[in-house]
Amino acid sequence: MRGHRFFAVKTMLFGAAAGALGMVGCKPLPPSKPASEWTPEEARGAQVYQRNCARCHYPTTTAGLHGPGLQAITKVKAMPSGAPPTDERLTAVIARGRGEMPATRLDDAEMQDLLAYLHSL
């Protein structure tokens, strides 16, 4: 009985230590750029985002709506798909869709403005 209790305590302490170590390695995501500091391209991109993306993606959190939240999407090592968040990859996902995300038809200027906005998140 005493050995079982020791094992349970040891397991609980190990789990707590592992959780604490995992949290130390996590860095908070950088905040989004305030709208008052947006460039004209970022402001136009925010409009493109509102028309085409906002119904499925939150812009300033990683919490999901119908798709993943996009806070710091260009600043993380990998998107939720595991792919790096390069402009080329983001453009491909937006233009062609992926999984349940439908393709979004944007002209070149709209795409560039949307990418500028995504970089502000």
Protein backbone atom coordinates (compact mmCIF):
# COMPACT_ATOMS: atom_id res chain seq x y z
CA MET A 1 0.00 0.00 0.00
CA ARG A 2 2.80 2.38 0.93
CA GLY A 3 4.58 1.69 -2.40
CA HIS A 4 1.38 2.45 -4.32
CA ARG A 5 0.99 5.82 -2.55
CA PHE A 6 4.64 6.69 -3.25
CA PHE A 7 4.16 5.80 -6.93
CA ALA A 8 1.04 8.00 -7.14
CA VAL A 9 2.80 10.98 -5.55
CA LYS A 10 5.85 10.46 -7.75
CA THR A 11 3.67 10.33 -10.87
CA MET A 12 1.78 13.47 -9.85
CA LEU A 13 5.02 15.39 -9.19
CA PHE A 14 6.52 14.26 -12.48
CA GLY A 15 3.40 15.39 -14.34
CA ALA A 16 3.46 18.78 -12.62
CA ALA A 17 7.15 19.23 -13.41
CA ALA A 18 6.64 18.27 -17.05
CA GLY A 19 3.74 20.71 -17.33
CA ALA A 20 5.80 23.51 -15.79
CA LEU A 21 8.69 22.83 -18.17
CA GLY A 22 6.31 22.86 -21.10
CA MET A 23 4.93 26.23 -20.06
CA VAL A 24 8.41 27.73 -19.68
CA GLY A 25 9.07 26.93 -23.34
CA CYS A 26 5.88 28.64 -24.49
CA LYS A 27 6.23 32.25 -25.49
CA PRO A 28 3.25 34.56 -25.71
CA LEU A 29 2.41 35.64 -29.22
CA PRO A 30 3.20 39.24 -30.13
CA PRO A 31 0.20 41.57 -30.10
CA SER A 32 -1.39 42.73 -33.31
CA LYS A 33 -0.51 46.16 -34.65
CA PRO A 34 -3.15 48.73 -33.59
CA ALA A 35 -5.43 49.91 -36.39
CA SER A 36 -4.27 53.48 -35.74
CA GLU A 37 -0.79 52.44 -36.94
CA TRP A 38 -1.81 50.53 -40.09
CA THR A 39 -0.32 51.47 -43.45
CA PRO A 40 -2.78 52.16 -46.28
CA GLU A 41 -2.14 48.60 -47.58
CA GLU A 42 -2.90 47.08 -44.16
CA ALA A 43 -6.10 49.15 -43.89
CA ARG A 44 -7.27 47.97 -47.33
CA GLY A 45 -6.28 44.42 -46.36
CA ALA A 46 -8.43 44.68 -43.23
CA GLN A 47 -11.40 45.47 -45.49
CA VAL A 48 -10.60 42.46 -47.70
CA TYR A 49 -10.34 40.37 -44.52
CA GLN A 50 -13.73 41.58 -43.25
CA ARG A 51 -15.41 40.75 -46.56
CA ASN A 52 -13.81 37.36 -47.09
CA CYS A 53 -12.29 35.90 -43.92
CA ALA A 54 -13.91 37.29 -40.76
CA ARG A 55 -16.87 34.93 -40.80
CA CYS A 56 -14.50 32.00 -40.19
CA HIS A 57 -11.31 33.39 -38.60
CA TYR A 58 -10.71 35.60 -35.58
CA PRO A 59 -7.91 38.07 -36.36
CA THR A 60 -6.45 38.82 -32.92
CA THR A 61 -6.56 35.48 -31.14
CA THR A 62 -5.51 31.93 -31.89
CA ALA A 63 -8.92 30.69 -30.73
CA GLY A 64 -10.84 29.04 -33.52
CA LEU A 65 -14.17 30.11 -34.94
CA HIS A 66 -14.93 27.93 -37.99
CA GLY A 67 -11.23 28.02 -38.87
CA PRO A 68 -8.15 28.77 -36.78
CA GLY A 69 -7.55 32.18 -35.24
CA LEU A 70 -4.94 34.17 -37.15
CA GLN A 71 -3.10 36.16 -34.45
CA ALA A 72 0.61 36.22 -35.35
CA ILE A 73 -0.01 33.84 -38.27
CA THR A 74 3.03 35.23 -40.12
CA LYS A 75 5.21 35.22 -37.00
CA VAL A 76 4.90 31.58 -35.95
CA LYS A 77 7.11 28.75 -37.24
CA ALA A 78 4.19 26.83 -38.73
CA MET A 79 0.54 27.36 -39.58
CA PRO A 80 -2.05 24.95 -38.13
CA SER A 81 -1.43 22.74 -41.19
CA GLY A 82 2.25 22.46 -40.20
CA ALA A 83 3.46 24.42 -43.25
CA PRO A 84 5.61 27.52 -42.76
CA PRO A 85 3.62 30.76 -43.03
CA THR A 86 5.35 32.21 -46.08
CA ASP A 87 3.53 34.69 -48.30
CA GLU A 88 3.58 32.07 -51.05
CA ARG A 89 1.97 29.43 -48.83
CA LEU A 90 -0.61 31.85 -47.44
CA THR A 91 -1.46 32.96 -50.99
CA ALA A 92 -1.88 29.34 -52.10
CA VAL A 93 -4.14 28.47 -49.18
CA ILE A 94 -6.26 31.59 -49.66
CA ALA A 95 -6.53 31.21 -53.45
CA ARG A 96 -7.01 27.42 -53.60
CA GLY A 97 -8.58 26.71 -50.22
CA ARG A 98 -7.62 23.80 -48.00
CA GLY A 99 -9.72 21.17 -46.27
CA GLU A 100 -13.02 22.83 -45.39
CA MET A 101 -11.72 26.30 -46.28
CA PRO A 102 -13.09 27.36 -49.66
CA ALA A 103 -10.97 29.06 -52.30
CA THR A 104 -11.18 32.85 -52.19
CA ARG A 105 -11.03 34.78 -55.45
CA LEU A 106 -8.96 37.93 -55.03
CA ASP A 107 -7.17 40.03 -57.60
CA ASP A 108 -3.43 40.65 -57.15
CA ALA A 109 -3.90 43.99 -55.38
CA GLU A 110 -6.45 42.56 -52.93
CA MET A 111 -4.16 39.61 -52.19
CA GLN A 112 -1.18 41.89 -51.53
CA ASP A 113 -3.28 44.11 -49.26
CA LEU A 114 -4.63 41.05 -47.40
CA LEU A 115 -1.08 39.72 -46.92
CA ALA A 116 0.00 43.12 -45.57
CA TYR A 117 -2.89 42.98 -43.09
CA LEU A 118 -2.04 39.40 -42.05
CA HIS A 119 1.52 40.57 -41.32
CA SER A 120 0.05 43.19 -38.96
CA LEU A 121 -1.69 40.56 -36.86
